[in-house]
């Protein structure tokens, strides 16, 4: 099932966006090379995509996806806090 996703990123991510989602997304330009991208995709697939590109992408909507990514990042952080 697809959901509408809104994310913030910069123009350097354009190739990755096209590679993953084709050209079926909308872009709204912001300041300082930032842009808001709106697209439709599977929420679980977007979660893993956003985790892969997490340094370059911020999920804005839906809130459920934003929270799922936050929880995954927190769990990952706790794994790496301990010295091995």
PDB file of N, CA and C in Angstrom:
ATOM      1  N   UNK A   1       0.840  -1.186   0.000  1.00  0.00           N
ATOM      2  CA  UNK A   1       0.000   0.000   0.000  1.00  0.00           C
ATOM      3  C   UNK A   1       0.880   1.243   0.000  1.00  0.00           C
ATOM      4  N   UNK A   2       0.563   2.181  -0.836  1.00  0.00           N
ATOM      5  CA  UNK A   2       1.350   3.405  -0.948  1.00  0.00           C
ATOM      6  C   UNK A   2       0.799   4.492  -0.035  1.00  0.00           C
ATOM      7  N   UNK A   3       1.713   5.327   0.439  1.00  0.00           N
ATOM      8  CA  UNK A   3       1.360   6.511   1.224  1.00  0.00           C
ATOM      9  C   UNK A   3       2.041   7.711   0.582  1.00  0.00           C
ATOM     10  N   UNK A   4       1.536   8.886   0.882  1.00  0.00           N
ATOM     11  CA  UNK A   4       2.183  10.109   0.414  1.00  0.00           C
ATOM     12  C   UNK A   4       3.248  10.492   1.423  1.00  0.00           C
ATOM     13  N   UNK A   5       4.473  10.678   0.936  1.00  0.00           N
ATOM     14  CA  UNK A   5       5.617  11.008   1.780  1.00  0.00           C
ATOM     15  C   UNK A   5       6.130  12.382   1.383  1.00  0.00           C
ATOM     16  N   UNK A   6       6.431  13.187   2.396  1.00  0.00           N
ATOM     17  CA  UNK A   6       7.044  14.486   2.168  1.00  0.00           C
ATOM     18  C   UNK A   6       8.387  14.473   2.883  1.00  0.00           C
ATOM     19  N   UNK A   7       9.445  14.851   2.180  1.00  0.00           N
ATOM     20  CA  UNK A   7      10.777  14.832   2.763  1.00  0.00           C
ATOM     21  C   UNK A   7      11.556  16.080   2.373  1.00  0.00           C
ATOM     22  N   UNK A   8      12.538  16.428   3.188  1.00  0.00           N
ATOM     23  CA  UNK A   8      13.436  17.542   2.911  1.00  0.00           C
ATOM     24  C   UNK A   8      14.810  16.974   2.574  1.00  0.00           C
ATOM     25  N   UNK A   9      15.407  17.497   1.525  1.00  0.00           N
ATOM     26  CA  UNK A   9      16.735  17.076   1.118  1.00  0.00           C
ATOM     27  C   UNK A   9      17.367  18.212   0.319  1.00  0.00           C
ATOM     28  N   UNK A  10      18.495  17.928  -0.330  1.00  0.00           N
ATOM     29  CA  UNK A  10      19.119  18.953  -1.174  1.00  0.00           C
ATOM     30  C   UNK A  10      19.293  18.416  -2.591  1.00  0.00           C
ATOM     31  N   UNK A  11      19.689  19.275  -3.487  1.00  0.00           N
ATOM     32  CA  UNK A  11      19.742  18.902  -4.904  1.00  0.00           C
ATOM     33  C   UNK A  11      20.773  17.814  -5.199  1.00  0.00           C
ATOM     34  N   UNK A  12      21.725  17.596  -4.331  1.00  0.00           N
ATOM     35  CA  UNK A  12      22.710  16.529  -4.561  1.00  0.00           C
ATOM     36  C   UNK A  12      22.078  15.142  -4.499  1.00  0.00           C
ATOM     37  N   UNK A  13      20.867  15.054  -3.958  1.00  0.00           N
ATOM     38  CA  UNK A  13      20.155  13.772  -3.849  1.00  0.00           C
ATOM     39  C   UNK A  13      19.287  13.475  -5.065  1.00  0.00           C
ATOM     40  N   UNK A  14      19.292  14.355  -6.059  1.00  0.00           N
ATOM     41  CA  UNK A  14      18.397  14.189  -7.206  1.00  0.00           C
ATOM     42  C   UNK A  14      18.621  12.857  -7.925  1.00  0.00           C
ATOM     43  N   UNK A  15      19.859  12.454  -8.146  1.00  0.00           N
ATOM     44  CA  UNK A  15      20.127  11.181  -8.826  1.00  0.00           C
ATOM     45  C   UNK A  15      19.563  10.002  -8.039  1.00  0.00           C
ATOM     46  N   UNK A  16      19.756   9.996  -6.734  1.00  0.00           N
ATOM     47  CA  UNK A  16      19.230   8.907  -5.903  1.00  0.00           C
ATOM     48  C   UNK A  16      17.702   8.889  -5.937  1.00  0.00           C
ATOM     49  N   UNK A  17      17.085  10.049  -5.906  1.00  0.00           N
ATOM     50  CA  UNK A  17      15.624  10.115  -5.982  1.00  0.00           C
ATOM     51  C   UNK A  17      15.113   9.538  -7.298  1.00  0.00           C
ATOM     52  N   UNK A  18      15.733   9.930  -8.406  1.00  0.00           N
ATOM     53  CA  UNK A  18      15.301   9.437  -9.715  1.00  0.00           C
ATOM     54  C   UNK A  18      15.576   7.942  -9.836  1.00  0.00           C
ATOM     55  N   UNK A  19      16.726   7.486  -9.346  1.00  0.00           N
ATOM     56  CA  UNK A  19      17.055   6.055  -9.402  1.00  0.00           C
ATOM     57  C   UNK A  19      16.015   5.221  -8.666  1.00  0.00           C
ATOM     58  N   UNK A  20      15.558   5.682  -7.517  1.00  0.00           N
ATOM     59  CA  UNK A  20      14.632   4.911  -6.687  1.00  0.00           C
ATOM     60  C   UNK A  20      13.170   5.115  -7.047  1.00  0.00           C
ATOM     61  N   UNK A  21      12.802   6.343  -7.423  1.00  0.00           N
ATOM     62  CA  UNK A  21      11.380   6.669  -7.570  1.00  0.00           C
ATOM     63  C   UNK A  21      10.996   7.115  -8.976  1.00  0.00           C
ATOM     64  N   UNK A  22      11.926   7.058  -9.909  1.00  0.00           N
ATOM     65  CA  UNK A  22      11.619   7.533 -11.251  1.00  0.00           C
ATOM     66  C   UNK A  22      11.467   9.044 -11.237  1.00  0.00           C
ATOM     67  N   UNK A  23      10.588   9.537 -12.066  1.00  0.00           N
ATOM     68  CA  UNK A  23      10.367  10.983 -12.116  1.00  0.00           C
ATOM     69  C   UNK A  23       8.996  11.347 -11.580  1.00  0.00           C
ATOM     70  N   UNK A  24       8.390  10.416 -10.859  1.00  0.00           N
ATOM     71  CA  UNK A  24       7.044  10.605 -10.356  1.00  0.00           C
ATOM     72  C   UNK A  24       7.060  11.206  -8.955  1.00  0.00           C
ATOM     73  N   UNK A  25       7.584  12.431  -8.842  1.00  0.00           N
ATOM     74  CA  UNK A  25       7.560  13.153  -7.576  1.00  0.00           C
ATOM     75  C   UNK A  25       7.535  14.644  -7.865  1.00  0.00           C
ATOM     76  N   UNK A  26       7.097  15.396  -6.870  1.00  0.00           N
ATOM     77  CA  UNK A  26       7.047  16.854  -6.986  1.00  0.00           C
ATOM     78  C   UNK A  26       8.126  17.473  -6.122  1.00  0.00           C
ATOM     79  N   UNK A  27       8.660  18.589  -6.589  1.00  0.00           N
ATOM     80  CA  UNK A  27       9.716  19.302  -5.870  1.00  0.00           C
ATOM     81  C   UNK A  27       9.262  20.731  -5.608  1.00  0.00           C
ATOM     82  N   UNK A  28       9.466  21.167  -4.377  1.00  0.00           N
ATOM     83  CA  UNK A  28       9.256  22.562  -4.023  1.00  0.00           C
ATOM     84  C   UNK A  28      10.591  23.092  -3.506  1.00  0.00           C
ATOM     85  N   UNK A  29      11.146  24.070  -4.180  1.00  0.00           N
ATOM     86  CA  UNK A  29      12.445  24.626  -3.798  1.00  0.00           C
ATOM     87  C   UNK A  29      12.325  25.428  -2.507  1.00  0.00           C
ATOM     88  N   UNK A  30      13.376  25.366  -1.702  1.00  0.00           N
ATOM     89  CA  UNK A  30      13.506  26.181  -0.513  1.00  0.00           C
ATOM     90  C   UNK A  30      14.819  26.946  -0.623  1.00  0.00           C
ATOM     91  N   UNK A  31      15.247  27.562   0.427  1.00  0.00           N
ATOM     92  CA  UNK A  31      16.499  28.311   0.444  1.00  0.00           C
ATOM     93  C   UNK A  31      17.698  27.378   0.597  1.00  0.00           C
ATOM     94  N   UNK A  32      18.870  27.887   0.249  1.00  0.00           N
ATOM     95  CA  UNK A  32      20.150  27.202   0.483  1.00  0.00           C
ATOM     96  C   UNK A  32      20.204  25.799  -0.099  1.00  0.00           C
ATOM     97  N   UNK A  33      19.762  25.637  -1.338  1.00  0.00           N
ATOM     98  CA  UNK A  33      19.861  24.366  -2.047  1.00  0.00           C
ATOM     99  C   UNK A  33      18.968  23.275  -1.461  1.00  0.00           C
ATOM    100  N   UNK A  34      18.087  23.635  -0.550  1.00  0.00           N
ATOM    101  CA  UNK A  34      17.166  22.668   0.046  1.00  0.00           C
ATOM    102  C   UNK A  34      15.901  22.566  -0.801  1.00  0.00           C
ATOM    103  N   UNK A  35      15.258  21.402  -0.739  1.00  0.00           N
ATOM    104  CA  UNK A  35      14.003  21.213  -1.443  1.00  0.00           C
ATOM    105  C   UNK A  35      13.113  20.266  -0.656  1.00  0.00           C
ATOM    106  N   UNK A  36      11.805  20.451  -0.833  1.00  0.00           N
ATOM    107  CA  UNK A  36      10.801  19.562  -0.261  1.00  0.00           C
ATOM    108  C   UNK A  36      10.308  18.682  -1.409  1.00  0.00           C
ATOM    109  N   UNK A  37      10.376  17.369  -1.214  1.00  0.00           N
ATOM    110  CA  UNK A  37       9.965  16.411  -2.239  1.00  0.00           C
ATOM    111  C   UNK A  37       8.725  15.685  -1.732  1.00  0.00           C
ATOM    112  N   UNK A  38       7.726  15.565  -2.582  1.00  0.00           N
ATOM    113  CA  UNK A  38       6.514  14.828  -2.261  1.00  0.00           C
ATOM    114  C   UNK A  38       6.373  13.683  -3.249  1.00  0.00           C
ATOM    115  N   UNK A  39       6.174  12.469  -2.723  1.00  0.00           N
ATOM    116  CA  UNK A  39       6.055  11.294  -3.582  1.00  0.00           C
ATOM    117  C   UNK A  39       5.161  10.264  -2.924  1.00  0.00           C
ATOM    118  N   UNK A  40       4.802   9.262  -3.682  1.00  0.00           N
ATOM    119  CA  UNK A  40       3.959   8.179  -3.186  1.00  0.00           C
ATOM    120  C   UNK A  40       4.741   6.879  -3.268  1.00  0.00           C
ATOM    121  N   UNK A  41       4.795   6.138  -2.146  1.00  0.00           N
ATOM    122  CA  UNK A  41       5.521   4.867  -2.132  1.00  0.00           C
ATOM    123  C   UNK A  41       5.088   4.044  -0.923  1.00  0.00           C
ATOM    124  N   UNK A  42       5.591   2.840  -0.848  1.00  0.00           N
ATOM    125  CA  UNK A  42       5.337   1.952   0.277  1.00  0.00           C
ATOM    126  C   UNK A  42       6.048   2.513   1.514  1.00  0.00           C
ATOM    127  N   UNK A  43       5.341   2.589   2.634  1.00  0.00           N
ATOM    128  CA  UNK A  43       5.896   3.198   3.847  1.00  0.00           C
ATOM    129  C   UNK A  43       7.096   2.417   4.396  1.00  0.00           C
ATOM    130  N   UNK A  44       7.030   1.104   4.376  1.00  0.00           N
ATOM    131  CA  UNK A  44       8.149   0.297   4.877  1.00  0.00           C
ATOM    132  C   UNK A  44       9.381   0.475   3.998  1.00  0.00           C
ATOM    133  N   UNK A  45       9.192   0.471   2.685  1.00  0.00           N
ATOM    134  CA  UNK A  45      10.318   0.674   1.774  1.00  0.00           C
ATOM    135  C   UNK A  45      10.936   2.050   1.990  1.00  0.00           C
ATOM    136  N   UNK A  46      10.099   3.063   2.207  1.00  0.00           N
ATOM    137  CA  UNK A  46      10.615   4.415   2.440  1.00  0.00           C
ATOM    138  C   UNK A  46      11.381   4.495   3.746  1.00  0.00           C
ATOM    139  N   UNK A  47      10.953   3.743   4.743  1.00  0.00           N
ATOM    140  CA  UNK A  47      11.679   3.738   6.019  1.00  0.00           C
ATOM    141  C   UNK A  47      13.120   3.293   5.798  1.00  0.00           C
ATOM    142  N   UNK A  48      13.301   2.206   5.069  1.00  0.00           N
ATOM    143  CA  UNK A  48      14.656   1.700   4.849  1.00  0.00           C
ATOM    144  C   UNK A  48      15.452   2.607   3.917  1.00  0.00           C
ATOM    145  N   UNK A  49      14.775   3.214   2.947  1.00  0.00           N
ATOM    146  CA  UNK A  49      15.447   4.165   2.060  1.00  0.00           C
ATOM    147  C   UNK A  49      15.930   5.368   2.862  1.00  0.00           C
ATOM    148  N   UNK A  50      15.076   5.884   3.733  1.00  0.00           N
ATOM    149  CA  UNK A  50      15.428   7.047   4.548  1.00  0.00           C
ATOM    150  C   UNK A  50      16.552   6.725   5.526  1.00  0.00           C
ATOM    151  N   UNK A  51      16.564   5.514   6.063  1.00  0.00           N
ATOM    152  CA  UNK A  51      17.669   5.125   6.939  1.00  0.00           C
ATOM    153  C   UNK A  51      18.980   5.054   6.158  1.00  0.00           C
ATOM    154  N   UNK A  52      18.907   4.584   4.925  1.00  0.00           N
ATOM    155  CA  UNK A  52      20.102   4.501   4.086  1.00  0.00           C
ATOM    156  C   UNK A  52      20.663   5.888   3.781  1.00  0.00           C
ATOM    157  N   UNK A  53      19.791   6.848   3.543  1.00  0.00           N
ATOM    158  CA  UNK A  53      20.211   8.197   3.177  1.00  0.00           C
ATOM    159  C   UNK A  53      19.993   9.192   4.315  1.00  0.00           C
ATOM    160  N   UNK A  54      19.969   8.702   5.524  1.00  0.00           N
ATOM    161  CA  UNK A  54      19.614   9.505   6.689  1.00  0.00           C
ATOM    162  C   UNK A  54      20.414  10.766   6.916  1.00  0.00           C
ATOM    163  N   UNK A  55      21.640  10.807   6.479  1.00  0.00           N
ATOM    164  CA  UNK A  55      22.439  12.020   6.652  1.00  0.00           C
ATOM    165  C   UNK A  55      22.020  13.123   5.695  1.00  0.00           C
ATOM    166  N   UNK A  56      21.262  12.768   4.683  1.00  0.00           N
ATOM    167  CA  UNK A  56      20.920  13.721   3.625  1.00  0.00           C
ATOM    168  C   UNK A  56      19.426  13.976   3.484  1.00  0.00           C
ATOM    169  N   UNK A  57      18.604  13.253   4.239  1.00  0.00           N
ATOM    170  CA  UNK A  57      17.155  13.301   4.070  1.00  0.00           C
ATOM    171  C   UNK A  57      16.479  13.417   5.431  1.00  0.00           C
ATOM    172  N   UNK A  58      15.455  14.245   5.505  1.00  0.00           N
ATOM    173  CA  UNK A  58      14.601  14.299   6.696  1.00  0.00           C
ATOM    174  C   UNK A  58      13.165  14.031   6.255  1.00  0.00           C
ATOM    175  N   UNK A  59      12.560  12.997   6.789  1.00  0.00           N
ATOM    176  CA  UNK A  59      11.159  12.703   6.507  1.00  0.00           C
ATOM    177  C   UNK A  59      10.309  13.690   7.301  1.00  0.00           C
ATOM    178  N   UNK A  60       9.418  14.380   6.615  1.00  0.00           N
ATOM    179  CA  UNK A  60       8.526  15.339   7.265  1.00  0.00           C
ATOM    180  C   UNK A  60       7.140  14.755   7.514  1.00  0.00           C
ATOM    181  N   UNK A  61       6.649  13.970   6.579  1.00  0.00           N
ATOM    182  CA  UNK A  61       5.330  13.340   6.668  1.00  0.00           C
ATOM    183  C   UNK A  61       5.362  12.006   5.947  1.00  0.00           C
ATOM    184  N   UNK A  62       4.582  11.032   6.376  1.00  0.00           N
ATOM    185  CA  UNK A  62       3.623  11.052   7.476  1.00  0.00           C
ATOM    186  C   UNK A  62       4.326  10.941   8.831  1.00  0.00           C
ATOM    187  N   UNK A  63       3.646  11.383   9.836  1.00  0.00           N
ATOM    188  CA  UNK A  63       4.205  11.368  11.185  1.00  0.00           C
ATOM    189  C   UNK A  63       4.550   9.954  11.641  1.00  0.00           C
ATOM    190  N   UNK A  64       3.747   8.967  11.246  1.00  0.00           N
ATOM    191  CA  UNK A  64       4.018   7.574  11.637  1.00  0.00           C
ATOM    192  C   UNK A  64       5.366   7.106  11.094  1.00  0.00           C
ATOM    193  N   UNK A  65       5.708   7.508   9.880  1.00  0.00           N
ATOM    194  CA  UNK A  65       6.999   7.141   9.298  1.00  0.00           C
ATOM    195  C   UNK A  65       8.134   7.876   9.999  1.00  0.00           C
ATOM    196  N   UNK A  66       7.919   9.140  10.270  1.00  0.00           N
ATOM    197  CA  UNK A  66       8.923   9.930  10.989  1.00  0.00           C
ATOM    198  C   UNK A  66       9.238   9.296  12.352  1.00  0.00           C
ATOM    199  N   UNK A  67       8.194   8.871  13.057  1.00  0.00           N
ATOM    200  CA  UNK A  67       8.384   8.234  14.368  1.00  0.00           C
ATOM    201  C   UNK A  67       9.083   6.885  14.237  1.00  0.00           C
ATOM    202  N   UNK A  68       8.738   6.104  13.222  1.00  0.00           N
ATOM    203  CA  UNK A  68       9.379   4.799  13.018  1.00  0.00           C
ATOM    204  C   UNK A  68      10.871   4.971  12.752  1.00  0.00           C
ATOM    205  N   UNK A  69      11.231   5.971  11.988  1.00  0.00           N
ATOM    206  CA  UNK A  69      12.652   6.227  11.718  1.00  0.00           C
ATOM    207  C   UNK A  69      13.351   6.700  12.983  1.00  0.00           C
ATOM    208  N   UNK A  70      12.706   7.573  13.740  1.00  0.00           N
ATOM    209  CA  UNK A  70      13.293   8.042  15.000  1.00  0.00           C
ATOM    210  C   UNK A  70      13.581   6.864  15.928  1.00  0.00           C
ATOM    211  N   UNK A  71      12.626   5.949  16.055  1.00  0.00           N
ATOM    212  CA  UNK A  71      12.810   4.783  16.922  1.00  0.00           C
ATOM    213  C   UNK A  71      13.944   3.893  16.423  1.00  0.00           C
ATOM    214  N   UNK A  72      14.029   3.677  15.131  1.00  0.00           N
ATOM    215  CA  UNK A  72      15.098   2.845  14.574  1.00  0.00           C
ATOM    216  C   UNK A  72      16.464   3.480  14.824  1.00  0.00           C
ATOM    217  N   UNK A  73      16.565   4.778  14.650  1.00  0.00           N
ATOM    218  CA  UNK A  73      17.843   5.479  14.867  1.00  0.00           C
ATOM    219  C   UNK A  73      18.232   5.408  16.345  1.00  0.00           C
ATOM    220  N   UNK A  74      17.267   5.570  17.232  1.00  0.00           N
ATOM    221  CA  UNK A  74      17.558   5.472  18.665  1.00  0.00           C
ATOM    222  C   UNK A  74      18.041   4.071  19.038  1.00  0.00           C
ATOM    223  N   UNK A  75      17.414   3.044  18.476  1.00  0.00           N
ATOM    224  CA  UNK A  75      17.852   1.679  18.752  1.00  0.00           C
ATOM    225  C   UNK A  75      19.255   1.445  18.204  1.00  0.00           C
ATOM    226  N   UNK A  76      19.527   1.937  17.016  1.00  0.00           N
ATOM    227  CA  UNK A  76      20.868   1.791  16.433  1.00  0.00           C
ATOM    228  C   UNK A  76      21.894   2.525  17.288  1.00  0.00           C
ATOM    229  N   UNK A  77      21.540   3.697  17.754  1.00  0.00           N
ATOM    230  CA  UNK A  77      22.443   4.491  18.571  1.00  0.00           C
ATOM    231  C   UNK A  77      22.815   3.746  19.858  1.00  0.00           C
ATOM    232  N   UNK A  78      21.842   3.104  20.484  1.00  0.00           N
ATOM    233  CA  UNK A  78      22.129   2.383  21.715  1.00  0.00           C
ATOM    234  C   UNK A  78      23.070   1.214  21.487  1.00  0.00           C
ATOM    235  N   UNK A  79      22.995   0.592  20.319  1.00  0.00           N
ATOM    236  CA  UNK A  79      23.899  -0.515  19.987  1.00  0.00           C
ATOM    237  C   UNK A  79      25.335  -0.022  19.907  1.00  0.00           C
ATOM    238  N   UNK A  80      25.528   1.163  19.338  1.00  0.00           N
ATOM    239  CA  UNK A  80      26.870   1.672  19.096  1.00  0.00           C
ATOM    240  C   UNK A  80      27.417   2.537  20.224  1.00  0.00           C
ATOM    241  N   UNK A  81      26.634   2.778  21.260  1.00  0.00           N
ATOM    242  CA  UNK A  81      27.111   3.552  22.396  1.00  0.00           C
ATOM    243  C   UNK A  81      28.120   2.771  23.235  1.00  0.00           C
ATOM    244  N   UNK A  82      27.966   1.477  23.265  1.00  0.00           N
ATOM    245  CA  UNK A  82      28.832   0.647  24.084  1.00  0.00           C
ATOM    246  C   UNK A  82      30.140   0.352  23.350  1.00  0.00           C
ATOM    247  N   UNK A  83      31.238   0.376  24.081  1.00  0.00           N
ATOM    248  CA  UNK A  83      32.525  -0.013  23.496  1.00  0.00           C
ATOM    249  C   UNK A  83      32.593  -1.521  23.418  1.00  0.00           C
ATOM    250  N   UNK A  84      33.169  -1.993  22.350  1.00  0.00           N
ATOM    251  CA  UNK A  84      33.274  -3.443  22.158  1.00  0.00           C
ATOM    252  C   UNK A  84      34.638  -3.913  22.619  1.00  0.00           C
TER     253      UNK A  84
END
